[in-house]
């Protein structure tokens, strides 16, 4: 008998709630319908009750009624409505699906499903909205990376996850990294006196602020121009060139060779290695950074 994974249980719970919505079923019948023991299906209902609405937040609890052997879901708030999404969230979903499509071969049936979903999302978005979000994040990255290189403090307004009210932050930026498909800034918060992480999409009004800088940091500031690399990528990396368009000063598509030649600016070698490692199998050649292959291998080994 196959061992059930956490993903199997999540799938079953996500199917169980809409299945029960608006009606009552015997727990024994539910167990038979989902082909699991009564104890498991009862535990699933308890998990659903504690977790809250899928796609919403834990404060929207699912009302589950258990009477003797009967179970029903009574959640009139929003089960019949889709979760609301901001334009930025829809764009992130759109770009994520496009990225997945670049890794799925044509015969794969999941590609057809993804393409169908992509077309539905496209009807909700305008092309300029996608471009605006892509470029906004890239421009923020450029400004932050330049500030890291020059050892400058940053000041910005930050909207917390609660989305209620933004607050002003003054930080010393350390690095930009990615988590769950979103770029974050790791920085030292001067007021809080500790390391904090900030989503770039929730940062606004970013500017340099040297009013709190130490005198010796003015002396050691590095104001060099960005460094350059020349790279040749597979045409399958087209999505990647869009993602980092703000860093690319020149680009040329060779339709005959099926490759992309580009010149790219960067301030931090570790950052460059990290973003190239994400498409290591699509990098045909790079000039301007020594021993790149070895550095990418080392980064991937550490990441794994």
C-alpha atoms as a PDB file:
ATOM      1  CA  UNK A   1       0.000   0.000   0.000  1.00  0.00           C
ATOM      2  CA  UNK A   2       1.378   3.410  -1.030  1.00  0.00           C
ATOM      3  CA  UNK A   3       2.270   5.850   1.712  1.00  0.00           C
ATOM      4  CA  UNK A   4       0.116   8.984   1.679  1.00  0.00           C
ATOM      5  CA  UNK A   5       2.014  12.254   1.337  1.00  0.00           C
ATOM      6  CA  UNK A   6       1.128  15.670   2.720  1.00  0.00           C
ATOM      7  CA  UNK A   7       0.282  16.767  -0.838  1.00  0.00           C
ATOM      8  CA  UNK A   8      -2.234  13.901  -1.149  1.00  0.00           C
ATOM      9  CA  UNK A   9      -3.960  15.048   2.018  1.00  0.00           C
ATOM     10  CA  UNK A  10      -4.066  18.697   0.910  1.00  0.00           C
ATOM     11  CA  UNK A  11      -5.623  17.707  -2.425  1.00  0.00           C
ATOM     12  CA  UNK A  12      -8.274  15.649  -0.637  1.00  0.00           C
ATOM     13  CA  UNK A  13      -9.135  18.471   1.787  1.00  0.00           C
ATOM     14  CA  UNK A  14      -9.415  20.978  -1.072  1.00  0.00           C
ATOM     15  CA  UNK A  15     -11.854  18.611  -2.793  1.00  0.00           C
ATOM     16  CA  UNK A  16     -13.700  17.773   0.419  1.00  0.00           C
ATOM     17  CA  UNK A  17     -14.861  21.303   1.337  1.00  0.00           C
ATOM     18  CA  UNK A  18     -16.699  22.194  -1.911  1.00  0.00           C
ATOM     19  CA  UNK A  19     -18.042  18.614  -2.030  1.00  0.00           C
ATOM     20  CA  UNK A  20     -19.734  19.123   1.348  1.00  0.00           C
ATOM     21  CA  UNK A  21     -20.795  22.728   0.844  1.00  0.00           C
ATOM     22  CA  UNK A  22     -24.548  23.127   1.197  1.00  0.00           C
ATOM     23  CA  UNK A  23     -25.348  19.524   2.094  1.00  0.00           C
ATOM     24  CA  UNK A  24     -24.853  16.874   4.776  1.00  0.00           C
ATOM     25  CA  UNK A  25     -23.151  13.516   4.312  1.00  0.00           C
ATOM     26  CA  UNK A  26     -22.460  10.595   6.575  1.00  0.00           C
ATOM     27  CA  UNK A  27     -18.808  10.473   7.570  1.00  0.00           C
ATOM     28  CA  UNK A  28     -18.720   6.775   6.693  1.00  0.00           C
ATOM     29  CA  UNK A  29     -20.024   7.610   3.184  1.00  0.00           C
ATOM     30  CA  UNK A  30     -17.398  10.346   2.823  1.00  0.00           C
ATOM     31  CA  UNK A  31     -14.688   7.899   3.810  1.00  0.00           C
ATOM     32  CA  UNK A  32     -15.926   5.500   1.142  1.00  0.00           C
ATOM     33  CA  UNK A  33     -16.174   8.264  -1.485  1.00  0.00           C
ATOM     34  CA  UNK A  34     -12.592   9.405  -0.867  1.00  0.00           C
ATOM     35  CA  UNK A  35     -11.320   5.862  -0.223  1.00  0.00           C
ATOM     36  CA  UNK A  36      -9.802   6.527   3.206  1.00  0.00           C
ATOM     37  CA  UNK A  37     -10.646   5.312   6.747  1.00  0.00           C
ATOM     38  CA  UNK A  38     -13.257   7.168   8.819  1.00  0.00           C
ATOM     39  CA  UNK A  39     -10.537   8.364  11.225  1.00  0.00           C
ATOM     40  CA  UNK A  40      -8.627  10.006   8.353  1.00  0.00           C
ATOM     41  CA  UNK A  41     -11.649  11.816   6.897  1.00  0.00           C
ATOM     42  CA  UNK A  42     -12.598  13.067  10.381  1.00  0.00           C
ATOM     43  CA  UNK A  43      -9.063  14.392  10.858  1.00  0.00           C
ATOM     44  CA  UNK A  44      -9.268  16.088   7.427  1.00  0.00           C
ATOM     45  CA  UNK A  45     -12.378  17.959   8.532  1.00  0.00           C
ATOM     46  CA  UNK A  46     -10.629  19.078  11.718  1.00  0.00           C
ATOM     47  CA  UNK A  47      -7.640  20.345   9.723  1.00  0.00           C
ATOM     48  CA  UNK A  48      -9.940  22.271   7.361  1.00  0.00           C
ATOM     49  CA  UNK A  49     -11.718  23.856  10.320  1.00  0.00           C
ATOM     50  CA  UNK A  50      -8.414  24.964  11.884  1.00  0.00           C
ATOM     51  CA  UNK A  51      -6.750  26.128   8.646  1.00  0.00           C
ATOM     52  CA  UNK A  52      -9.382  28.485   7.304  1.00  0.00           C
ATOM     53  CA  UNK A  53     -10.512  29.232   3.788  1.00  0.00           C
ATOM     54  CA  UNK A  54      -8.250  27.924   0.980  1.00  0.00           C
ATOM     55  CA  UNK A  55      -6.948  30.914  -0.929  1.00  0.00           C
ATOM     56  CA  UNK A  56      -8.096  33.378   1.716  1.00  0.00           C
ATOM     57  CA  UNK A  57      -6.785  33.818   5.252  1.00  0.00           C
ATOM     58  CA  UNK A  58      -7.010  31.799   8.493  1.00  0.00           C
ATOM     59  CA  UNK A  59      -9.334  34.411   9.990  1.00  0.00           C
ATOM     60  CA  UNK A  60     -12.039  33.234   7.565  1.00  0.00           C
ATOM     61  CA  UNK A  61     -12.761  29.967   9.344  1.00  0.00           C
ATOM     62  CA  UNK A  62     -14.765  27.168   7.760  1.00  0.00           C
ATOM     63  CA  UNK A  63     -17.907  26.334   9.708  1.00  0.00           C
ATOM     64  CA  UNK A  64     -18.057  22.537   9.870  1.00  0.00           C
ATOM     65  CA  UNK A  65     -20.964  20.853  11.621  1.00  0.00           C
ATOM     66  CA  UNK A  66     -20.447  17.331  12.966  1.00  0.00           C
ATOM     67  CA  UNK A  67     -23.525  15.688  14.378  1.00  0.00           C
ATOM     68  CA  UNK A  68     -23.224  11.990  15.247  1.00  0.00           C
ATOM     69  CA  UNK A  69     -22.206  10.492  11.883  1.00  0.00           C
ATOM     70  CA  UNK A  70     -23.189  13.525   9.760  1.00  0.00           C
ATOM     71  CA  UNK A  71     -20.858  16.223   8.435  1.00  0.00           C
ATOM     72  CA  UNK A  72     -21.664  19.460   6.604  1.00  0.00           C
ATOM     73  CA  UNK A  73     -19.932  22.706   5.678  1.00  0.00           C
ATOM     74  CA  UNK A  74     -21.718  25.923   6.485  1.00  0.00           C
ATOM     75  CA  UNK A  75     -19.629  28.839   5.242  1.00  0.00           C
ATOM     76  CA  UNK A  76     -21.835  31.550   3.750  1.00  0.00           C
ATOM     77  CA  UNK A  77     -19.140  34.277   3.742  1.00  0.00           C
ATOM     78  CA  UNK A  78     -17.244  33.584   0.576  1.00  0.00           C
ATOM     79  CA  UNK A  79     -17.152  29.954  -0.527  1.00  0.00           C
ATOM     80  CA  UNK A  80     -19.226  30.812  -3.582  1.00  0.00           C
ATOM     81  CA  UNK A  81     -16.939  33.697  -4.551  1.00  0.00           C
ATOM     82  CA  UNK A  82     -13.382  33.579  -5.905  1.00  0.00           C
ATOM     83  CA  UNK A  83     -10.659  35.176  -3.740  1.00  0.00           C
ATOM     84  CA  UNK A  84     -10.000  38.780  -4.736  1.00  0.00           C
ATOM     85  CA  UNK A  85      -6.560  39.506  -6.202  1.00  0.00           C
ATOM     86  CA  UNK A  86      -4.718  42.743  -6.830  1.00  0.00           C
ATOM     87  CA  UNK A  87      -3.296  43.463 -10.279  1.00  0.00           C
ATOM     88  CA  UNK A  88       0.228  42.786  -9.004  1.00  0.00           C
ATOM     89  CA  UNK A  89      -0.793  39.356  -7.691  1.00  0.00           C
ATOM     90  CA  UNK A  90      -2.475  38.486 -11.002  1.00  0.00           C
ATOM     91  CA  UNK A  91       0.653  39.553 -12.889  1.00  0.00           C
ATOM     92  CA  UNK A  92       2.847  37.371 -10.649  1.00  0.00           C
ATOM     93  CA  UNK A  93       0.532  34.413 -11.350  1.00  0.00           C
ATOM     94  CA  UNK A  94       0.643  35.195 -15.080  1.00  0.00           C
ATOM     95  CA  UNK A  95       4.461  35.377 -15.172  1.00  0.00           C
ATOM     96  CA  UNK A  96       4.770  32.233 -13.051  1.00  0.00           C
ATOM     97  CA  UNK A  97       2.651  30.207 -15.472  1.00  0.00           C
ATOM     98  CA  UNK A  98       4.632  31.575 -18.426  1.00  0.00           C
ATOM     99  CA  UNK A  99       7.832  30.464 -16.705  1.00  0.00           C
ATOM    100  CA  UNK A 100       6.409  26.976 -16.101  1.00  0.00           C
ATOM    101  CA  UNK A 101       5.429  26.705 -19.766  1.00  0.00           C
ATOM    102  CA  UNK A 102       9.055  27.206 -20.793  1.00  0.00           C
ATOM    103  CA  UNK A 103       9.891  23.948 -18.969  1.00  0.00           C
ATOM    104  CA  UNK A 104       6.954  21.846 -20.250  1.00  0.00           C
ATOM    105  CA  UNK A 105       7.282  19.986 -23.558  1.00  0.00           C
ATOM    106  CA  UNK A 106       4.457  20.283 -26.094  1.00  0.00           C
ATOM    107  CA  UNK A 107       3.145  16.682 -25.871  1.00  0.00           C
ATOM    108  CA  UNK A 108       2.666  17.010 -22.112  1.00  0.00           C
ATOM    109  CA  UNK A 109      -1.093  17.265 -21.335  1.00  0.00           C
ATOM    110  CA  UNK A 110      -0.382  19.665 -18.462  1.00  0.00           C
ATOM    111  CA  UNK A 111       0.867  22.210 -21.035  1.00  0.00           C
ATOM    112  CA  UNK A 112      -2.614  22.440 -22.542  1.00  0.00           C
ATOM    113  CA  UNK A 113      -4.104  23.076 -19.097  1.00  0.00           C
ATOM    114  CA  UNK A 114      -1.502  25.773 -18.336  1.00  0.00           C
ATOM    115  CA  UNK A 115      -2.049  27.485 -21.706  1.00  0.00           C
ATOM    116  CA  UNK A 116      -5.807  27.512 -21.154  1.00  0.00           C
ATOM    117  CA  UNK A 117      -5.331  29.086 -17.712  1.00  0.00           C
ATOM    118  CA  UNK A 118      -2.890  31.613 -19.181  1.00  0.00           C
ATOM    119  CA  UNK A 119      -5.450  32.703 -21.787  1.00  0.00           C
ATOM    120  CA  UNK A 120      -8.066  33.203 -19.075  1.00  0.00           C
ATOM    121  CA  UNK A 121      -5.675  35.349 -17.017  1.00  0.00           C
ATOM    122  CA  UNK A 122      -4.725  37.382 -20.106  1.00  0.00           C
ATOM    123  CA  UNK A 123      -8.339  38.486 -20.435  1.00  0.00           C
ATOM    124  CA  UNK A 124      -8.021  40.124 -16.996  1.00  0.00           C
ATOM    125  CA  UNK A 125      -4.793  41.936 -17.784  1.00  0.00           C
ATOM    126  CA  UNK A 126      -3.529  44.456 -20.257  1.00  0.00           C
ATOM    127  CA  UNK A 127      -0.077  43.945 -21.717  1.00  0.00           C
ATOM    128  CA  UNK A 128       1.171  47.223 -20.288  1.00  0.00           C
ATOM    129  CA  UNK A 129       0.226  46.079 -16.766  1.00  0.00           C
ATOM    130  CA  UNK A 130       2.523  43.037 -17.082  1.00  0.00           C
ATOM    131  CA  UNK A 131       5.346  45.173 -18.464  1.00  0.00           C
ATOM    132  CA  UNK A 132       4.842  47.810 -15.772  1.00  0.00           C
ATOM    133  CA  UNK A 133       5.172  45.316 -12.911  1.00  0.00           C
ATOM    134  CA  UNK A 134       8.195  43.598 -14.542  1.00  0.00           C
ATOM    135  CA  UNK A 135       9.999  46.897 -15.111  1.00  0.00           C
ATOM    136  CA  UNK A 136       9.058  48.349 -11.729  1.00  0.00           C
ATOM    137  CA  UNK A 137      10.672  45.416  -9.913  1.00  0.00           C
ATOM    138  CA  UNK A 138      13.731  45.508 -12.199  1.00  0.00           C
ATOM    139  CA  UNK A 139      14.208  49.244 -11.675  1.00  0.00           C
ATOM    140  CA  UNK A 140      13.965  48.761  -7.920  1.00  0.00           C
ATOM    141  CA  UNK A 141      16.596  46.018  -8.115  1.00  0.00           C
ATOM    142  CA  UNK A 142      18.955  48.255 -10.072  1.00  0.00           C
ATOM    143  CA  UNK A 143      18.594  51.110  -7.583  1.00  0.00           C
ATOM    144  CA  UNK A 144      19.053  48.812  -4.577  1.00  0.00           C
ATOM    145  CA  UNK A 145      22.050  46.988  -6.080  1.00  0.00           C
ATOM    146  CA  UNK A 146      23.684  50.318  -6.889  1.00  0.00           C
ATOM    147  CA  UNK A 147      23.120  51.424  -3.281  1.00  0.00           C
ATOM    148  CA  UNK A 148      24.633  48.176  -1.966  1.00  0.00           C
ATOM    149  CA  UNK A 149      27.679  48.713  -4.165  1.00  0.00           C
ATOM    150  CA  UNK A 150      28.054  52.325  -3.031  1.00  0.00           C
ATOM    151  CA  UNK A 151      27.345  51.445   0.621  1.00  0.00           C
ATOM    152  CA  UNK A 152      24.431  53.866   0.825  1.00  0.00           C
ATOM    153  CA  UNK A 153      21.486  53.757   3.222  1.00  0.00           C
ATOM    154  CA  UNK A 154      18.008  53.429   1.740  1.00  0.00           C
ATOM    155  CA  UNK A 155      14.781  55.084   2.822  1.00  0.00           C
ATOM    156  CA  UNK A 156      11.395  53.857   1.583  1.00  0.00           C
ATOM    157  CA  UNK A 157       7.743  53.342   2.488  1.00  0.00           C
ATOM    158  CA  UNK A 158       6.800  49.719   3.177  1.00  0.00           C
ATOM    159  CA  UNK A 159       3.336  48.197   3.113  1.00  0.00           C
ATOM    160  CA  UNK A 160       3.131  45.250   5.554  1.00  0.00           C
ATOM    161  CA  UNK A 161       1.382  41.979   4.723  1.00  0.00           C
ATOM    162  CA  UNK A 162      -1.703  43.228   6.547  1.00  0.00           C
ATOM    163  CA  UNK A 163      -1.965  45.903   3.866  1.00  0.00           C
ATOM    164  CA  UNK A 164      -3.437  48.394   6.326  1.00  0.00           C
ATOM    165  CA  UNK A 165      -0.912  51.238   6.470  1.00  0.00           C
ATOM    166  CA  UNK A 166       2.601  51.756   5.119  1.00  0.00           C
ATOM    167  CA  UNK A 167       5.463  52.855   7.347  1.00  0.00           C
ATOM    168  CA  UNK A 168       8.752  54.645   6.633  1.00  0.00           C
ATOM    169  CA  UNK A 169      11.901  52.524   6.866  1.00  0.00           C
ATOM    170  CA  UNK A 170      15.572  53.451   6.950  1.00  0.00           C
ATOM    171  CA  UNK A 171      17.900  50.535   6.219  1.00  0.00           C
ATOM    172  CA  UNK A 172      21.382  49.496   5.180  1.00  0.00           C
ATOM    173  CA  UNK A 173      20.793  47.113   2.247  1.00  0.00           C
ATOM    174  CA  UNK A 174      22.675  43.802   2.317  1.00  0.00           C
ATOM    175  CA  UNK A 175      21.425  41.734  -0.618  1.00  0.00           C
ATOM    176  CA  UNK A 176      18.500  40.907  -2.877  1.00  0.00           C
ATOM    177  CA  UNK A 177      17.353  37.303  -2.893  1.00  0.00           C
ATOM    178  CA  UNK A 178      14.366  35.304  -4.147  1.00  0.00           C
ATOM    179  CA  UNK A 179      11.876  33.281  -2.129  1.00  0.00           C
ATOM    180  CA  UNK A 180       8.802  31.515  -3.508  1.00  0.00           C
ATOM    181  CA  UNK A 181       9.150  33.364  -6.786  1.00  0.00           C
ATOM    182  CA  UNK A 182       9.307  36.850  -5.230  1.00  0.00           C
ATOM    183  CA  UNK A 183      12.283  39.198  -4.819  1.00  0.00           C
ATOM    184  CA  UNK A 184      13.126  40.338  -1.281  1.00  0.00           C
ATOM    185  CA  UNK A 185      15.621  42.767   0.196  1.00  0.00           C
ATOM    186  CA  UNK A 186      17.610  41.635   3.225  1.00  0.00           C
ATOM    187  CA  UNK A 187      18.704  44.734   5.119  1.00  0.00           C
ATOM    188  CA  UNK A 188      19.706  46.080   8.519  1.00  0.00           C
ATOM    189  CA  UNK A 189      16.808  48.155   9.878  1.00  0.00           C
ATOM    190  CA  UNK A 190      18.465  51.119  11.581  1.00  0.00           C
ATOM    191  CA  UNK A 191      15.500  51.960  13.819  1.00  0.00           C
ATOM    192  CA  UNK A 192      14.720  48.357  14.798  1.00  0.00           C
ATOM    193  CA  UNK A 193      18.456  47.591  15.096  1.00  0.00           C
ATOM    194  CA  UNK A 194      18.181  44.203  13.431  1.00  0.00           C
ATOM    195  CA  UNK A 195      18.121  42.303  10.137  1.00  0.00           C
ATOM    196  CA  UNK A 196      14.780  42.471   8.328  1.00  0.00           C
ATOM    197  CA  UNK A 197      13.434  41.139   5.011  1.00  0.00           C
ATOM    198  CA  UNK A 198      11.282  43.263   2.683  1.00  0.00           C
ATOM    199  CA  UNK A 199       9.258  42.299  -0.398  1.00  0.00           C
ATOM    200  CA  UNK A 200      10.281  44.565  -3.292  1.00  0.00           C
ATOM    201  CA  UNK A 201       6.690  44.677  -4.538  1.00  0.00           C
ATOM    202  CA  UNK A 202       5.635  46.286  -1.221  1.00  0.00           C
ATOM    203  CA  UNK A 203       8.353  48.948  -1.270  1.00  0.00           C
ATOM    204  CA  UNK A 204       7.684  52.426  -2.695  1.00  0.00           C
ATOM    205  CA  UNK A 205       9.357  55.832  -2.742  1.00  0.00           C
ATOM    206  CA  UNK A 206      12.845  54.294  -2.574  1.00  0.00           C
ATOM    207  CA  UNK A 207      15.695  56.804  -2.345  1.00  0.00           C
ATOM    208  CA  UNK A 208      19.209  57.087  -0.925  1.00  0.00           C
ATOM    209  CA  UNK A 209      19.494  58.529   2.586  1.00  0.00           C
ATOM    210  CA  UNK A 210      22.898  59.427   3.990  1.00  0.00           C
ATOM    211  CA  UNK A 211      21.664  61.523   6.930  1.00  0.00           C
ATOM    212  CA  UNK A 212      22.344  58.624   9.320  1.00  0.00           C
ATOM    213  CA  UNK A 213      25.515  57.349   7.669  1.00  0.00           C
ATOM    214  CA  UNK A 214      28.734  57.124   9.656  1.00  0.00           C
ATOM    215  CA  UNK A 215      31.509  59.520   8.681  1.00  0.00           C
ATOM    216  CA  UNK A 216      33.927  56.728   7.819  1.00  0.00           C
ATOM    217  CA  UNK A 217      31.383  55.178   5.478  1.00  0.00           C
ATOM    218  CA  UNK A 218      31.492  58.354   3.357  1.00  0.00           C
ATOM    219  CA  UNK A 219      35.213  57.858   2.919  1.00  0.00           C
ATOM    220  CA  UNK A 220      34.935  54.208   1.919  1.00  0.00           C
ATOM    221  CA  UNK A 221      31.989  54.643  -0.455  1.00  0.00           C
ATOM    222  CA  UNK A 222      32.525  52.904  -3.781  1.00  0.00           C
ATOM    223  CA  UNK A 223      31.050  54.885  -6.680  1.00  0.00           C
ATOM    224  CA  UNK A 224      32.384  52.802  -9.587  1.00  0.00           C
ATOM    225  CA  UNK A 225      30.290  52.293 -12.679  1.00  0.00           C
ATOM    226  CA  UNK A 226      28.598  48.921 -13.155  1.00  0.00           C
ATOM    227  CA  UNK A 227      30.594  46.017 -14.564  1.00  0.00           C
ATOM    228  CA  UNK A 228      29.637  44.406 -17.891  1.00  0.00           C
ATOM    229  CA  UNK A 229      29.371  40.874 -19.240  1.00  0.00           C
ATOM    230  CA  UNK A 230      28.598  39.631 -22.737  1.00  0.00           C
ATOM    231  CA  UNK A 231      26.550  36.453 -22.907  1.00  0.00           C
ATOM    232  CA  UNK A 232      24.994  34.165 -25.482  1.00  0.00           C
ATOM    233  CA  UNK A 233      21.871  32.353 -24.308  1.00  0.00           C
ATOM    234  CA  UNK A 234      19.513  29.818 -25.795  1.00  0.00           C
ATOM    235  CA  UNK A 235      16.336  31.349 -27.225  1.00  0.00           C
ATOM    236  CA  UNK A 236      14.453  29.441 -24.505  1.00  0.00           C
ATOM    237  CA  UNK A 237      15.835  32.065 -22.104  1.00  0.00           C
ATOM    238  CA  UNK A 238      13.659  34.757 -23.691  1.00  0.00           C
ATOM    239  CA  UNK A 239      11.496  34.938 -20.532  1.00  0.00           C
ATOM    240  CA  UNK A 240      14.656  35.509 -18.464  1.00  0.00           C
ATOM    241  CA  UNK A 241      15.757  38.454 -20.639  1.00  0.00           C
ATOM    242  CA  UNK A 242      12.355  40.050 -20.037  1.00  0.00           C
ATOM    243  CA  UNK A 243      12.695  39.505 -16.296  1.00  0.00           C
ATOM    244  CA  UNK A 244      16.089  41.276 -16.218  1.00  0.00           C
ATOM    245  CA  UNK A 245      15.456  43.721 -19.083  1.00  0.00           C
ATOM    246  CA  UNK A 246      16.413  46.723 -16.953  1.00  0.00           C
ATOM    247  CA  UNK A 247      19.951  45.305 -16.532  1.00  0.00           C
ATOM    248  CA  UNK A 248      20.448  44.542 -20.249  1.00  0.00           C
ATOM    249  CA  UNK A 249      21.995  47.380 -22.285  1.00  0.00           C
ATOM    250  CA  UNK A 250      22.188  45.559 -25.632  1.00  0.00           C
ATOM    251  CA  UNK A 251      20.365  42.500 -26.971  1.00  0.00           C
ATOM    252  CA  UNK A 252      20.209  40.720 -30.322  1.00  0.00           C
ATOM    253  CA  UNK A 253      18.170  37.678 -31.374  1.00  0.00           C
ATOM    254  CA  UNK A 254      19.779  35.357 -33.927  1.00  0.00           C
ATOM    255  CA  UNK A 255      16.835  33.502 -35.481  1.00  0.00           C
ATOM    256  CA  UNK A 256      19.075  31.219 -37.552  1.00  0.00           C
ATOM    257  CA  UNK A 257      21.228  30.081 -34.643  1.00  0.00           C
ATOM    258  CA  UNK A 258      18.306  30.164 -32.214  1.00  0.00           C
ATOM    259  CA  UNK A 259      20.323  32.186 -29.691  1.00  0.00           C
ATOM    260  CA  UNK A 260      20.222  35.508 -27.835  1.00  0.00           C
ATOM    261  CA  UNK A 261      23.316  37.716 -27.553  1.00  0.00           C
ATOM    262  CA  UNK A 262      23.306  40.407 -24.888  1.00  0.00           C
ATOM    263  CA  UNK A 263      25.393  42.832 -22.853  1.00  0.00           C
ATOM    264  CA  UNK A 264      24.402  43.079 -19.200  1.00  0.00           C
ATOM    265  CA  UNK A 265      25.283  45.417 -16.331  1.00  0.00           C
ATOM    266  CA  UNK A 266      25.878  44.232 -12.776  1.00  0.00           C
ATOM    267  CA  UNK A 267      27.328  45.524  -9.510  1.00  0.00           C
ATOM    268  CA  UNK A 268      27.611  42.348  -7.481  1.00  0.00           C
ATOM    269  CA  UNK A 269      29.252  39.160  -8.771  1.00  0.00           C
ATOM    270  CA  UNK A 270      27.390  36.889  -6.340  1.00  0.00           C
ATOM    271  CA  UNK A 271      24.083  38.297  -7.585  1.00  0.00           C
ATOM    272  CA  UNK A 272      25.127  37.710 -11.195  1.00  0.00           C
ATOM    273  CA  UNK A 273      26.149  34.116 -10.486  1.00  0.00           C
ATOM    274  CA  UNK A 274      22.841  33.481  -8.720  1.00  0.00           C
ATOM    275  CA  UNK A 275      20.638  34.742 -11.573  1.00  0.00           C
ATOM    276  CA  UNK A 276      22.716  32.942 -14.228  1.00  0.00           C
ATOM    277  CA  UNK A 277      22.569  29.732 -12.170  1.00  0.00           C
ATOM    278  CA  UNK A 278      18.777  29.815 -12.570  1.00  0.00           C
ATOM    279  CA  UNK A 279      19.270  29.285 -16.327  1.00  0.00           C
ATOM    280  CA  UNK A 280      22.596  27.450 -16.253  1.00  0.00           C
ATOM    281  CA  UNK A 281      21.430  24.940 -18.885  1.00  0.00           C
ATOM    282  CA  UNK A 282      20.499  27.820 -21.236  1.00  0.00           C
ATOM    283  CA  UNK A 283      23.829  29.711 -20.992  1.00  0.00           C
ATOM    284  CA  UNK A 284      25.866  29.021 -24.135  1.00  0.00           C
ATOM    285  CA  UNK A 285      28.796  31.335 -23.392  1.00  0.00           C
ATOM    286  CA  UNK A 286      29.755  34.287 -21.180  1.00  0.00           C
ATOM    287  CA  UNK A 287      32.620  36.777 -21.430  1.00  0.00           C
ATOM    288  CA  UNK A 288      33.595  39.212 -18.695  1.00  0.00           C
ATOM    289  CA  UNK A 289      33.611  37.034 -15.575  1.00  0.00           C
ATOM    290  CA  UNK A 290      36.380  34.442 -15.024  1.00  0.00           C
ATOM    291  CA  UNK A 291      35.653  30.831 -14.023  1.00  0.00           C
ATOM    292  CA  UNK A 292      31.893  31.356 -14.278  1.00  0.00           C
ATOM    293  CA  UNK A 293      31.122  27.643 -14.730  1.00  0.00           C
ATOM    294  CA  UNK A 294      32.942  26.746 -11.519  1.00  0.00           C
ATOM    295  CA  UNK A 295      31.209  29.551  -9.600  1.00  0.00           C
ATOM    296  CA  UNK A 296      27.766  28.454 -10.834  1.00  0.00           C
ATOM    297  CA  UNK A 297      28.497  24.831  -9.882  1.00  0.00           C
ATOM    298  CA  UNK A 298      29.627  25.935  -6.423  1.00  0.00           C
ATOM    299  CA  UNK A 299      26.480  28.052  -5.965  1.00  0.00           C
ATOM    300  CA  UNK A 300      24.190  25.204  -7.071  1.00  0.00           C
ATOM    301  CA  UNK A 301      25.922  22.732  -4.735  1.00  0.00           C
ATOM    302  CA  UNK A 302      25.429  25.123  -1.802  1.00  0.00           C
ATOM    303  CA  UNK A 303      21.813  25.778  -2.800  1.00  0.00           C
ATOM    304  CA  UNK A 304      21.049  22.054  -2.969  1.00  0.00           C
END
